[in-house]
Amino acid sequence: MPPFHASQTCAACSRADPQSRKGCGRLFACAHCGHEDDADHNASVEIEARARQGGTSHALRAMGEGGSVNNSTRRHPLVPESRPPAEADA
């Protein structure tokens, strides 16, 4: 999943703004909604959200399509549980 602007995109409101990462420090502070988080954690949540949405671009999210998640992959496995093969009709 391309991390384009993930370090500048808020995992809470999905707005991308370079002002949210002043000085490239460890703190992410959204210039729009005020959400604060560790910069790496915020970016990882944003990248996970993109992966779950099949790579929805920032431009589509800005138009109201898609959005971010605020959860962990540990709660929802990325690979669905396998099912036994269906029995063939004889």
PDB file of N, CA and C in Angstrom:
ATOM      1  N   MET A   1       0.850  -1.159   0.000  1.00  0.00           N
ATOM      2  CA  MET A   1       0.000   0.000   0.000  1.00  0.00           C
ATOM      3  C   MET A   1       0.902   1.229   0.000  1.00  0.00           C
ATOM      4  N   PRO A   2       0.772   2.108  -0.984  1.00  0.00           N
ATOM      5  CA  PRO A   2       1.615   3.298  -1.025  1.00  0.00           C
ATOM      6  C   PRO A   2       1.344   4.221   0.173  1.00  0.00           C
ATOM      7  N   PRO A   3       2.399   4.677   0.838  1.00  0.00           N
ATOM      8  CA  PRO A   3       2.210   5.518   2.015  1.00  0.00           C
ATOM      9  C   PRO A   3       2.107   7.009   1.689  1.00  0.00           C
ATOM     10  N   PHE A   4       1.719   7.366   0.462  1.00  0.00           N
ATOM     11  CA  PHE A   4       1.657   8.756   0.023  1.00  0.00           C
ATOM     12  C   PHE A   4       0.863   9.618   0.994  1.00  0.00           C
ATOM     13  N   HIS A   5       1.494  10.607   1.588  1.00  0.00           N
ATOM     14  CA  HIS A   5       0.918  11.549   2.544  1.00  0.00           C
ATOM     15  C   HIS A   5       0.389  10.898   3.827  1.00  0.00           C
ATOM     16  N   ALA A   6       0.713   9.648   4.102  1.00  0.00           N
ATOM     17  CA  ALA A   6       0.216   8.995   5.325  1.00  0.00           C
ATOM     18  C   ALA A   6       0.728   9.701   6.573  1.00  0.00           C
ATOM     19  N   SER A   7       1.928  10.249   6.521  1.00  0.00           N
ATOM     20  CA  SER A   7       2.473  10.925   7.694  1.00  0.00           C
ATOM     21  C   SER A   7       1.839  12.287   7.930  1.00  0.00           C
ATOM     22  N   GLN A   8       1.082  12.792   6.941  1.00  0.00           N
ATOM     23  CA  GLN A   8       0.430  14.092   7.066  1.00  0.00           C
ATOM     24  C   GLN A   8      -1.092  13.969   7.131  1.00  0.00           C
ATOM     25  N   THR A   9      -1.612  12.743   7.081  1.00  0.00           N
ATOM     26  CA  THR A   9      -3.052  12.520   7.056  1.00  0.00           C
ATOM     27  C   THR A   9      -3.533  12.066   8.422  1.00  0.00           C
ATOM     28  N   CYS A  10      -4.589  12.688   8.902  1.00  0.00           N
ATOM     29  CA  CYS A  10      -5.139  12.372  10.214  1.00  0.00           C
ATOM     30  C   CYS A  10      -5.943  11.077  10.160  1.00  0.00           C
ATOM     31  N   ALA A  11      -5.663  10.161  11.074  1.00  0.00           N
ATOM     32  CA  ALA A  11      -6.392   8.890  11.127  1.00  0.00           C
ATOM     33  C   ALA A  11      -7.800   9.086  11.669  1.00  0.00           C
ATOM     34  N   ALA A  12      -8.078  10.223  12.304  1.00  0.00           N
ATOM     35  CA  ALA A  12      -9.405  10.471  12.859  1.00  0.00           C
ATOM     36  C   ALA A  12     -10.334  11.150  11.860  1.00  0.00           C
ATOM     37  N   CYS A  13      -9.825  12.146  11.098  1.00  0.00           N
ATOM     38  CA  CYS A  13     -10.710  12.895  10.194  1.00  0.00           C
ATOM     39  C   CYS A  13     -10.334  12.773   8.726  1.00  0.00           C
ATOM     40  N   SER A  14      -9.229  12.097   8.404  1.00  0.00           N
ATOM     41  CA  SER A  14      -8.765  11.841   7.037  1.00  0.00           C
ATOM     42  C   SER A  14      -8.318  13.079   6.277  1.00  0.00           C
ATOM     43  N   ARG A  15      -8.053  14.176   6.967  1.00  0.00           N
ATOM     44  CA  ARG A  15      -7.573  15.382   6.286  1.00  0.00           C
ATOM     45  C   ARG A  15      -6.049  15.359   6.243  1.00  0.00           C
ATOM     46  N   ALA A  16      -5.487  15.651   5.079  1.00  0.00           N
ATOM     47  CA  ALA A  16      -4.037  15.719   4.919  1.00  0.00           C
ATOM     48  C   ALA A  16      -3.604  17.177   4.974  1.00  0.00           C
ATOM     49  N   ASP A  17      -2.609  17.465   5.802  1.00  0.00           N
ATOM     50  CA  ASP A  17      -2.110  18.824   5.946  1.00  0.00           C
ATOM     51  C   ASP A  17      -0.681  18.758   6.466  1.00  0.00           C
ATOM     52  N   PRO A  18       0.282  19.329   5.737  1.00  0.00           N
ATOM     53  CA  PRO A  18       1.671  19.323   6.213  1.00  0.00           C
ATOM     54  C   PRO A  18       1.839  20.014   7.570  1.00  0.00           C
ATOM     55  N   GLN A  19       0.936  20.923   7.933  1.00  0.00           N
ATOM     56  CA  GLN A  19       1.022  21.626   9.215  1.00  0.00           C
ATOM     57  C   GLN A  19       0.794  20.676  10.394  1.00  0.00           C
ATOM     58  N   SER A  20       0.247  19.496  10.133  1.00  0.00           N
ATOM     59  CA  SER A  20       0.012  18.516  11.201  1.00  0.00           C
ATOM     60  C   SER A  20       1.297  17.853  11.666  1.00  0.00           C
ATOM     61  N   ARG A  21       2.385  17.984  10.899  1.00  0.00           N
ATOM     62  CA  ARG A  21       3.683  17.403  11.250  1.00  0.00           C
ATOM     63  C   ARG A  21       4.742  18.486  11.278  1.00  0.00           C
ATOM     64  N   LYS A  22       4.597  19.482  12.108  1.00  0.00           N
ATOM     65  CA  LYS A  22       5.575  20.567  12.182  1.00  0.00           C
ATOM     66  C   LYS A  22       6.925  20.035  12.616  1.00  0.00           C
ATOM     67  N   GLY A  23       7.955  20.334  11.815  1.00  0.00           N
ATOM     68  CA  GLY A  23       9.314  19.959  12.157  1.00  0.00           C
ATOM     69  C   GLY A  23       9.603  18.472  12.078  1.00  0.00           C
ATOM     70  N   CYS A  24       8.703  17.686  11.535  1.00  0.00           N
ATOM     71  CA  CYS A  24       8.883  16.234  11.411  1.00  0.00           C
ATOM     72  C   CYS A  24       9.198  15.582  12.759  1.00  0.00           C
ATOM     73  N   GLY A  25       8.578  16.064  13.807  1.00  0.00           N
ATOM     74  CA  GLY A  25       8.780  15.490  15.134  1.00  0.00           C
ATOM     75  C   GLY A  25       8.009  14.190  15.298  1.00  0.00           C
ATOM     76  N   ARG A  26       8.015  13.640  16.485  1.00  0.00           N
ATOM     77  CA  ARG A  26       7.348  12.371  16.764  1.00  0.00           C
ATOM     78  C   ARG A  26       5.859  12.558  17.009  1.00  0.00           C
ATOM     79  N   LEU A  27       5.411  13.803  17.185  1.00  0.00           N
ATOM     80  CA  LEU A  27       4.015  14.058  17.474  1.00  0.00           C
ATOM     81  C   LEU A  27       3.251  14.428  16.210  1.00  0.00           C
ATOM     82  N   PHE A  28       2.104  13.781  16.024  1.00  0.00           N
ATOM     83  CA  PHE A  28       1.170  14.174  14.978  1.00  0.00           C
ATOM     84  C   PHE A  28       0.058  14.941  15.675  1.00  0.00           C
ATOM     85  N   ALA A  29      -0.193  16.164  15.241  1.00  0.00           N
ATOM     86  CA  ALA A  29      -1.271  16.979  15.796  1.00  0.00           C
ATOM     87  C   ALA A  29      -2.071  17.540  14.630  1.00  0.00           C
ATOM     88  N   CYS A  30      -3.274  17.015  14.411  1.00  0.00           N
ATOM     89  CA  CYS A  30      -4.089  17.412  13.276  1.00  0.00           C
ATOM     90  C   CYS A  30      -4.439  18.896  13.360  1.00  0.00           C
ATOM     91  N   ALA A  31      -4.161  19.608  12.281  1.00  0.00           N
ATOM     92  CA  ALA A  31      -4.449  21.039  12.215  1.00  0.00           C
ATOM     93  C   ALA A  31      -5.938  21.308  12.029  1.00  0.00           C
ATOM     94  N   HIS A  32      -6.726  20.255  11.739  1.00  0.00           N
ATOM     95  CA  HIS A  32      -8.159  20.441  11.471  1.00  0.00           C
ATOM     96  C   HIS A  32      -9.039  20.019  12.647  1.00  0.00           C
ATOM     97  N   CYS A  33      -8.827  18.808  13.175  1.00  0.00           N
ATOM     98  CA  CYS A  33      -9.720  18.320  14.239  1.00  0.00           C
ATOM     99  C   CYS A  33      -9.064  18.293  15.617  1.00  0.00           C
ATOM    100  N   GLY A  34      -7.734  18.496  15.685  1.00  0.00           N
ATOM    101  CA  GLY A  34      -7.048  18.512  16.966  1.00  0.00           C
ATOM    102  C   GLY A  34      -6.586  17.156  17.465  1.00  0.00           C
ATOM    103  N   HIS A  35      -6.840  16.072  16.706  1.00  0.00           N
ATOM    104  CA  HIS A  35      -6.404  14.728  17.094  1.00  0.00           C
ATOM    105  C   HIS A  35      -4.889  14.715  17.266  1.00  0.00           C
ATOM    106  N   GLU A  36      -4.408  14.117  18.367  1.00  0.00           N
ATOM    107  CA  GLU A  36      -2.972  13.989  18.617  1.00  0.00           C
ATOM    108  C   GLU A  36      -2.626  12.523  18.829  1.00  0.00           C
ATOM    109  N   ASP A  37      -1.473  12.122  18.288  1.00  0.00           N
ATOM    110  CA  ASP A  37      -1.016  10.736  18.401  1.00  0.00           C
ATOM    111  C   ASP A  37       0.468  10.697  18.071  1.00  0.00           C
ATOM    112  N   ASP A  38       1.102   9.589  18.384  1.00  0.00           N
ATOM    113  CA  ASP A  38       2.456   9.350  17.919  1.00  0.00           C
ATOM    114  C   ASP A  38       2.402   9.326  16.393  1.00  0.00           C
ATOM    115  N   ALA A  39       3.326  10.013  15.738  1.00  0.00           N
ATOM    116  CA  ALA A  39       3.284  10.150  14.283  1.00  0.00           C
ATOM    117  C   ALA A  39       3.315   8.802  13.566  1.00  0.00           C
ATOM    118  N   ASP A  40       4.145   7.887  14.028  1.00  0.00           N
ATOM    119  CA  ASP A  40       4.233   6.570  13.377  1.00  0.00           C
ATOM    120  C   ASP A  40       2.936   5.784  13.551  1.00  0.00           C
ATOM    121  N   HIS A  41       2.347   5.849  14.737  1.00  0.00           N
ATOM    122  CA  HIS A  41       1.099   5.125  14.973  1.00  0.00           C
ATOM    123  C   HIS A  41      -0.019   5.702  14.112  1.00  0.00           C
ATOM    124  N   ASN A  42      -0.118   7.018  14.068  1.00  0.00           N
ATOM    125  CA  ASN A  42      -1.148   7.655  13.244  1.00  0.00           C
ATOM    126  C   ASN A  42      -1.015   7.235  11.782  1.00  0.00           C
ATOM    127  N   ALA A  43       0.217   7.254  11.260  1.00  0.00           N
ATOM    128  CA  ALA A  43       0.439   6.863   9.864  1.00  0.00           C
ATOM    129  C   ALA A  43       0.100   5.392   9.640  1.00  0.00           C
ATOM    130  N   SER A  44       0.424   4.526  10.594  1.00  0.00           N
ATOM    131  CA  SER A  44       0.126   3.097  10.423  1.00  0.00           C
ATOM    132  C   SER A  44      -1.379   2.848  10.403  1.00  0.00           C
ATOM    133  N   VAL A  45      -2.135   3.588  11.217  1.00  0.00           N
ATOM    134  CA  VAL A  45      -3.593   3.445  11.220  1.00  0.00           C
ATOM    135  C   VAL A  45      -4.155   3.926   9.888  1.00  0.00           C
ATOM    136  N   GLU A  46      -3.608   5.019   9.360  1.00  0.00           N
ATOM    137  CA  GLU A  46      -4.058   5.544   8.069  1.00  0.00           C
ATOM    138  C   GLU A  46      -3.752   4.562   6.937  1.00  0.00           C
ATOM    139  N   ILE A  47      -2.565   3.964   6.944  1.00  0.00           N
ATOM    140  CA  ILE A  47      -2.204   2.989   5.909  1.00  0.00           C
ATOM    141  C   ILE A  47      -3.097   1.755   6.008  1.00  0.00           C
ATOM    142  N   GLU A  48      -3.402   1.314   7.238  1.00  0.00           N
ATOM    143  CA  GLU A  48      -4.311   0.178   7.411  1.00  0.00           C
ATOM    144  C   GLU A  48      -5.694   0.510   6.847  1.00  0.00           C
ATOM    145  N   ALA A  49      -6.166   1.714   7.094  1.00  0.00           N
ATOM    146  CA  ALA A  49      -7.477   2.122   6.590  1.00  0.00           C
ATOM    147  C   ALA A  49      -7.499   2.087   5.068  1.00  0.00           C
ATOM    148  N   ARG A  50      -6.415   2.545   4.449  1.00  0.00           N
ATOM    149  CA  ARG A  50      -6.338   2.508   2.983  1.00  0.00           C
ATOM    150  C   ARG A  50      -6.357   1.075   2.474  1.00  0.00           C
ATOM    151  N   ALA A  51      -5.642   0.197   3.159  1.00  0.00           N
ATOM    152  CA  ALA A  51      -5.596  -1.202   2.737  1.00  0.00           C
ATOM    153  C   ALA A  51      -6.970  -1.847   2.850  1.00  0.00           C
ATOM    154  N   ARG A  52      -7.687  -1.558   3.922  1.00  0.00           N
ATOM    155  CA  ARG A  52      -9.025  -2.119   4.111  1.00  0.00           C
ATOM    156  C   ARG A  52     -10.005  -1.617   3.066  1.00  0.00           C
ATOM    157  N   GLN A  53      -9.766  -0.420   2.552  1.00  0.00           N
ATOM    158  CA  GLN A  53     -10.644   0.165   1.549  1.00  0.00           C
ATOM    159  C   GLN A  53     -10.181  -0.154   0.145  1.00  0.00           C
ATOM    160  N   GLY A  54      -9.211  -1.014   0.007  1.00  0.00           N
ATOM    161  CA  GLY A  54      -8.723  -1.368  -1.322  1.00  0.00           C
ATOM    162  C   GLY A  54      -7.896  -0.269  -1.953  1.00  0.00           C
ATOM    163  N   GLY A  55      -7.223   0.531  -1.125  1.00  0.00           N
ATOM    164  CA  GLY A  55      -6.340   1.563  -1.659  1.00  0.00           C
ATOM    165  C   GLY A  55      -7.059   2.833  -2.050  1.00  0.00           C
ATOM    166  N   THR A  56      -8.179   3.154  -1.418  1.00  0.00           N
ATOM    167  CA  THR A  56      -8.899   4.382  -1.727  1.00  0.00           C
ATOM    168  C   THR A  56      -7.958   5.568  -1.617  1.00  0.00           C
ATOM    169  N   SER A  57      -7.932   6.391  -2.637  1.00  0.00           N
ATOM    170  CA  SER A  57      -7.006   7.515  -2.665  1.00  0.00           C
ATOM    171  C   SER A  57      -7.455   8.640  -1.745  1.00  0.00           C
ATOM    172  N   HIS A  58      -6.505   9.476  -1.369  1.00  0.00           N
ATOM    173  CA  HIS A  58      -6.818  10.633  -0.531  1.00  0.00           C
ATOM    174  C   HIS A  58      -7.814  11.544  -1.235  1.00  0.00           C
ATOM    175  N   ALA A  59      -7.694  11.694  -2.547  1.00  0.00           N
ATOM    176  CA  ALA A  59      -8.597  12.575  -3.290  1.00  0.00           C
ATOM    177  C   ALA A  59     -10.046  12.109  -3.167  1.00  0.00           C
ATOM    178  N   LEU A  60     -10.277  10.792  -3.223  1.00  0.00           N
ATOM    179  CA  LEU A  60     -11.637  10.279  -3.080  1.00  0.00           C
ATOM    180  C   LEU A  60     -12.140  10.491  -1.662  1.00  0.00           C
ATOM    181  N   ARG A  61     -11.280  10.301  -0.661  1.00  0.00           N
ATOM    182  CA  ARG A  61     -11.704  10.525   0.722  1.00  0.00           C
ATOM    183  C   ARG A  61     -12.024  11.993   0.952  1.00  0.00           C
ATOM    184  N   ALA A  62     -11.261  12.889   0.323  1.00  0.00           N
ATOM    185  CA  ALA A  62     -11.515  14.315   0.484  1.00  0.00           C
ATOM    186  C   ALA A  62     -12.884  14.692  -0.072  1.00  0.00           C
ATOM    187  N   MET A  63     -13.367  13.921  -1.037  1.00  0.00           N
ATOM    188  CA  MET A  63     -14.687  14.181  -1.609  1.00  0.00           C
ATOM    189  C   MET A  63     -15.781  13.450  -0.839  1.00  0.00           C
ATOM    190  N   GLY A  64     -15.407  12.784   0.259  1.00  0.00           N
ATOM    191  CA  GLY A  64     -16.403  12.114   1.082  1.00  0.00           C
ATOM    192  C   GLY A  64     -16.539  10.634   0.797  1.00  0.00           C
ATOM    193  N   GLU A  65     -15.695  10.088  -0.028  1.00  0.00           N
ATOM    194  CA  GLU A  65     -15.726   8.654  -0.323  1.00  0.00           C
ATOM    195  C   GLU A  65     -14.694   7.965   0.542  1.00  0.00           C
ATOM    196  N   GLY A  66     -15.093   7.004   1.341  1.00  0.00           N
ATOM    197  CA  GLY A  66     -14.151   6.266   2.173  1.00  0.00           C
ATOM    198  C   GLY A  66     -13.961   6.953   3.504  1.00  0.00           C
ATOM    199  N   GLY A  67     -12.841   6.703   4.160  1.00  0.00           N
ATOM    200  CA  GLY A  67     -12.552   7.281   5.463  1.00  0.00           C
ATOM    201  C   GLY A  67     -11.589   6.398   6.211  1.00  0.00           C
ATOM    202  N   SER A  68     -11.171   6.835   7.347  1.00  0.00           N
ATOM    203  CA  SER A  68     -10.198   6.097   8.136  1.00  0.00           C
ATOM    204  C   SER A  68     -10.877   5.228   9.190  1.00  0.00           C
ATOM    205  N   VAL A  69     -10.084   4.331   9.743  1.00  0.00           N
ATOM    206  CA  VAL A  69     -10.543   3.516  10.858  1.00  0.00           C
ATOM    207  C   VAL A  69      -9.715   3.872  12.065  1.00  0.00           C
ATOM    208  N   ASN A  70     -10.230   3.624  13.233  1.00  0.00           N
ATOM    209  CA  ASN A  70      -9.494   3.881  14.461  1.00  0.00           C
ATOM    210  C   ASN A  70      -9.415   2.613  15.291  1.00  0.00           C
ATOM    211  N   ASN A  71      -9.019   1.530  14.657  1.00  0.00           N
ATOM    212  CA  ASN A  71      -8.902   0.267  15.381  1.00  0.00           C
ATOM    213  C   ASN A  71      -7.619  -0.436  14.974  1.00  0.00           C
ATOM    214  N   SER A  72      -7.432  -1.622  15.456  1.00  0.00           N
ATOM    215  CA  SER A  72      -6.214  -2.376  15.210  1.00  0.00           C
ATOM    216  C   SER A  72      -6.515  -3.619  14.398  1.00  0.00           C
ATOM    217  N   THR A  73      -5.530  -4.070  13.616  1.00  0.00           N
ATOM    218  CA  THR A  73      -5.708  -5.301  12.844  1.00  0.00           C
ATOM    219  C   THR A  73      -5.840  -6.502  13.763  1.00  0.00           C
ATOM    220  N   ARG A  74      -5.404  -6.375  15.004  1.00  0.00           N
ATOM    221  CA  ARG A  74      -5.504  -7.506  15.919  1.00  0.00           C
ATOM    222  C   ARG A  74      -6.965  -7.821  16.251  1.00  0.00           C
ATOM    223  N   ARG A  75      -7.848  -6.841  16.131  1.00  0.00           N
ATOM    224  CA  ARG A  75      -9.264  -7.081  16.381  1.00  0.00           C
ATOM    225  C   ARG A  75      -9.958  -7.683  15.166  1.00  0.00           C
ATOM    226  N   HIS A  76      -9.459  -7.356  13.973  1.00  0.00           N
ATOM    227  CA  HIS A  76     -10.086  -7.813  12.737  1.00  0.00           C
ATOM    228  C   HIS A  76      -8.996  -8.362  11.820  1.00  0.00           C
ATOM    229  N   PRO A  77      -8.830  -9.685  11.742  1.00  0.00           N
ATOM    230  CA  PRO A  77      -7.764 -10.234  10.901  1.00  0.00           C
ATOM    231  C   PRO A  77      -7.948  -9.823   9.448  1.00  0.00           C
ATOM    232  N   LEU A  78      -6.832  -9.544   8.761  1.00  0.00           N
ATOM    233  CA  LEU A  78      -6.894  -9.164   7.358  1.00  0.00           C
ATOM    234  C   LEU A  78      -7.267 -10.340   6.461  1.00  0.00           C
ATOM    235  N   VAL A  79      -6.909 -11.549   6.881  1.00  0.00           N
ATOM    236  CA  VAL A  79      -7.215 -12.738   6.085  1.00  0.00           C
ATOM    237  C   VAL A  79      -8.424 -13.429   6.704  1.00  0.00           C
ATOM    238  N   PRO A  80      -9.508 -13.593   5.928  1.00  0.00           N
ATOM    239  CA  PRO A  80     -10.683 -14.258   6.500  1.00  0.00           C
ATOM    240  C   PRO A  80     -10.389 -15.712   6.846  1.00  0.00           C
ATOM    241  N   GLU A  81     -11.138 -16.217   7.814  1.00  0.00           N
ATOM    242  CA  GLU A  81     -10.957 -17.611   8.196  1.00  0.00           C
ATOM    243  C   GLU A  81     -11.312 -18.509   7.022  1.00  0.00           C
ATOM    244  N   SER A  82     -10.563 -19.599   6.871  1.00  0.00           N
ATOM    245  CA  SER A  82     -10.834 -20.510   5.753  1.00  0.00           C
ATOM    246  C   SER A  82     -12.071 -21.345   6.054  1.00  0.00           C
ATOM    247  N   ARG A  83     -12.788 -21.684   4.997  1.00  0.00           N
ATOM    248  CA  ARG A  83     -13.986 -22.506   5.131  1.00  0.00           C
ATOM    249  C   ARG A  83     -13.746 -23.841   4.443  1.00  0.00           C
ATOM    250  N   PRO A  84     -14.377 -24.891   4.932  1.00  0.00           N
ATOM    251  CA  PRO A  84     -14.204 -26.193   4.268  1.00  0.00           C
ATOM    252  C   PRO A  84     -14.835 -26.126   2.878  1.00  0.00           C
ATOM    253  N   PRO A  85     -14.271 -26.870   1.905  1.00  0.00           N
ATOM    254  CA  PRO A  85     -14.820 -26.848   0.544  1.00  0.00           C
ATOM    255  C   PRO A  85     -16.251 -27.390   0.530  1.00  0.00           C
ATOM    256  N   ALA A  86     -17.070 -26.823  -0.337  1.00  0.00           N
ATOM    257  CA  ALA A  86     -18.453 -27.283  -0.454  1.00  0.00           C
ATOM    258  C   ALA A  86     -18.474 -28.668  -1.069  1.00  0.00           C
ATOM    259  N   GLU A  87     -19.416 -29.473  -0.588  1.00  0.00           N
ATOM    260  CA  GLU A  87     -19.532 -30.818  -1.130  1.00  0.00           C
ATOM    261  C   GLU A  87     -20.173 -30.774  -2.516  1.00  0.00           C
ATOM    262  N   ALA A  88     -19.644 -31.556  -3.432  1.00  0.00           N
ATOM    263  CA  ALA A  88     -20.172 -31.598  -4.795  1.00  0.00           C
ATOM    264  C   ALA A  88     -21.429 -32.444  -4.835  1.00  0.00           C
ATOM    265  N   ASP A  89     -22.425 -32.018  -5.612  1.00  0.00           N
ATOM    266  CA  ASP A  89     -23.651 -32.801  -5.775  1.00  0.00           C
ATOM    267  C   ASP A  89     -23.359 -34.001  -6.664  1.00  0.00           C
ATOM    268  N   ALA A  90     -23.793 -35.167  -6.236  1.00  0.00           N
ATOM    269  CA  ALA A  90     -23.504 -36.381  -7.020  1.00  0.00           C
ATOM    270  C   ALA A  90     -24.739 -36.900  -7.713  1.00  0.00           C
TER     271      ALA A  90
END
